[in-house]
Amino acid sequence: MPKLALMMALLVHELATNAAKYGALSKPTGTVSISWSVLDSILEFHWSETGGPTVSQPTRKGFGLQLLSRALDQFNGTAELKFRPAGLECTMKAALFEEPDTKVAV
């Protein structure tokens, strides 16, 4: 699971960076709520922004959106983004599984 942990850290960093530049964290009144759960070896992570500038659907797919849309494929996962006027909502899901031992015998 170290690879999934690293990928989740990268995705949360991307969400936080965008929230600070353009989203809820760019305004003093903005907040971000984070929650997660694990059920039947499926991690579900939810990010929700409120109190920032009005959000609209982006007109182009930049690096962040491309990363979010593809990054969890290798973990049988998905990322769903909702650009609500009150703030961005992102739900990510990924399968938790043991990675095979990749050590090389000498």
Protein backbone atom coordinates (compact mmCIF):
# COMPACT_ATOMS: atom_id res chain seq x y z
CA MET A 1 0.00 0.00 0.00
CA PRO A 2 2.94 2.42 0.04
CA LYS A 3 2.32 3.28 -3.62
CA LEU A 4 -1.31 4.14 -2.91
CA ALA A 5 -0.29 6.25 0.10
CA LEU A 6 2.17 8.17 -2.06
CA MET A 7 -0.43 8.69 -4.79
CA MET A 8 -3.05 9.89 -2.27
CA ALA A 9 -0.52 12.35 -0.82
CA LEU A 10 0.14 13.71 -4.31
CA LEU A 11 -3.58 14.05 -5.04
CA VAL A 12 -4.32 15.78 -1.71
CA HIS A 13 -1.40 18.12 -2.35
CA GLU A 14 -2.85 18.98 -5.78
CA LEU A 15 -6.30 19.64 -4.27
CA ALA A 16 -4.82 21.78 -1.48
CA THR A 17 -2.65 23.79 -3.88
CA ASN A 18 -5.63 24.55 -6.12
CA ALA A 19 -7.80 25.39 -3.11
CA ALA A 20 -5.15 27.87 -1.92
CA LYS A 21 -4.73 29.48 -5.34
CA TYR A 22 -8.29 29.50 -6.69
CA GLY A 23 -10.69 27.79 -4.29
CA ALA A 24 -11.96 27.94 -0.75
CA LEU A 25 -8.56 28.49 0.87
CA SER A 26 -7.99 31.63 -1.23
CA LYS A 27 -10.56 33.48 0.93
CA PRO A 28 -10.49 34.07 4.71
CA THR A 29 -14.00 32.59 4.99
CA GLY A 30 -13.18 29.42 3.05
CA THR A 31 -12.95 25.96 4.56
CA VAL A 32 -12.06 22.47 3.42
CA SER A 33 -13.63 19.39 4.97
CA ILE A 34 -11.96 16.00 4.58
CA SER A 35 -13.35 12.61 5.51
CA TRP A 36 -12.48 9.04 4.67
CA SER A 37 -13.67 5.55 5.35
CA VAL A 38 -12.72 1.99 4.52
CA LEU A 39 -15.35 -0.63 3.74
CA ASP A 40 -14.66 -4.04 2.23
CA SER A 41 -11.05 -3.03 1.42
CA ILE A 42 -12.19 0.07 -0.50
CA LEU A 43 -10.84 3.43 0.61
CA GLU A 44 -13.24 6.31 0.06
CA PHE A 45 -11.82 9.81 0.50
CA HIS A 46 -14.03 12.91 0.33
CA TRP A 47 -12.84 16.54 -0.09
CA SER A 48 -15.35 19.39 0.12
CA GLU A 49 -14.71 23.13 -0.19
CA THR A 50 -17.05 25.90 0.98
CA GLY A 51 -16.87 29.63 1.58
CA GLY A 52 -14.59 30.44 -1.33
CA PRO A 53 -15.21 32.05 -4.69
CA THR A 54 -18.03 30.78 -6.89
CA VAL A 55 -16.94 27.66 -8.74
CA SER A 56 -17.72 26.78 -12.33
CA GLN A 57 -16.85 23.89 -14.62
CA PRO A 58 -13.35 24.47 -16.05
CA THR A 59 -13.10 25.11 -19.77
CA ARG A 60 -9.90 23.09 -20.16
CA LYS A 61 -8.35 20.04 -18.53
CA GLY A 62 -5.06 21.13 -16.96
CA PHE A 63 -2.45 19.03 -15.20
CA GLY A 64 -4.43 18.71 -11.97
CA LEU A 65 -7.60 17.46 -13.63
CA GLN A 66 -5.65 15.03 -15.78
CA LEU A 67 -3.81 13.73 -12.73
CA LEU A 68 -7.02 13.30 -10.74
CA SER A 69 -8.83 11.59 -13.59
CA ARG A 70 -6.11 8.96 -14.19
CA ALA A 71 -4.02 8.56 -11.05
CA LEU A 72 -6.17 5.99 -9.29
CA ASP A 73 -6.65 3.70 -12.30
CA GLN A 74 -3.73 1.55 -11.18
CA PHE A 75 -5.52 0.94 -7.86
CA ASN A 76 -8.86 0.05 -9.47
CA GLY A 77 -10.00 3.45 -8.32
CA THR A 78 -11.85 6.54 -9.44
CA ALA A 79 -11.99 10.25 -8.76
CA GLU A 80 -15.24 12.13 -9.18
CA LEU A 81 -15.13 15.92 -9.26
CA LYS A 82 -18.22 18.10 -8.84
CA PHE A 83 -17.79 21.78 -9.61
CA ARG A 84 -20.64 23.15 -7.52
CA PRO A 85 -21.10 26.94 -7.28
CA ALA A 86 -20.57 26.74 -3.49
CA GLY A 87 -17.28 24.86 -3.87
CA LEU A 88 -15.42 21.89 -5.29
CA GLU A 89 -16.30 18.40 -4.14
CA CYS A 90 -14.03 15.46 -4.89
CA THR A 91 -14.66 11.81 -4.02
CA MET A 92 -11.83 9.36 -4.58
CA LYS A 93 -12.10 5.60 -4.23
CA ALA A 94 -9.34 3.00 -4.42
CA ALA A 95 -8.92 -0.67 -3.65
CA LEU A 96 -6.66 -1.47 -0.72
CA PHE A 97 -4.62 -4.54 -1.44
CA GLU A 98 -1.25 -5.93 -0.52
CA GLU A 99 1.43 -5.21 -3.08
CA PRO A 100 3.49 -8.21 -4.12
CA ASP A 101 6.94 -8.52 -2.61
CA THR A 102 9.28 -6.98 -5.17
CA LYS A 103 12.57 -7.68 -3.39
CA VAL A 104 15.19 -9.37 -5.52
CA ALA A 105 16.94 -12.35 -3.99
CA VAL A 106 20.73 -12.19 -4.10
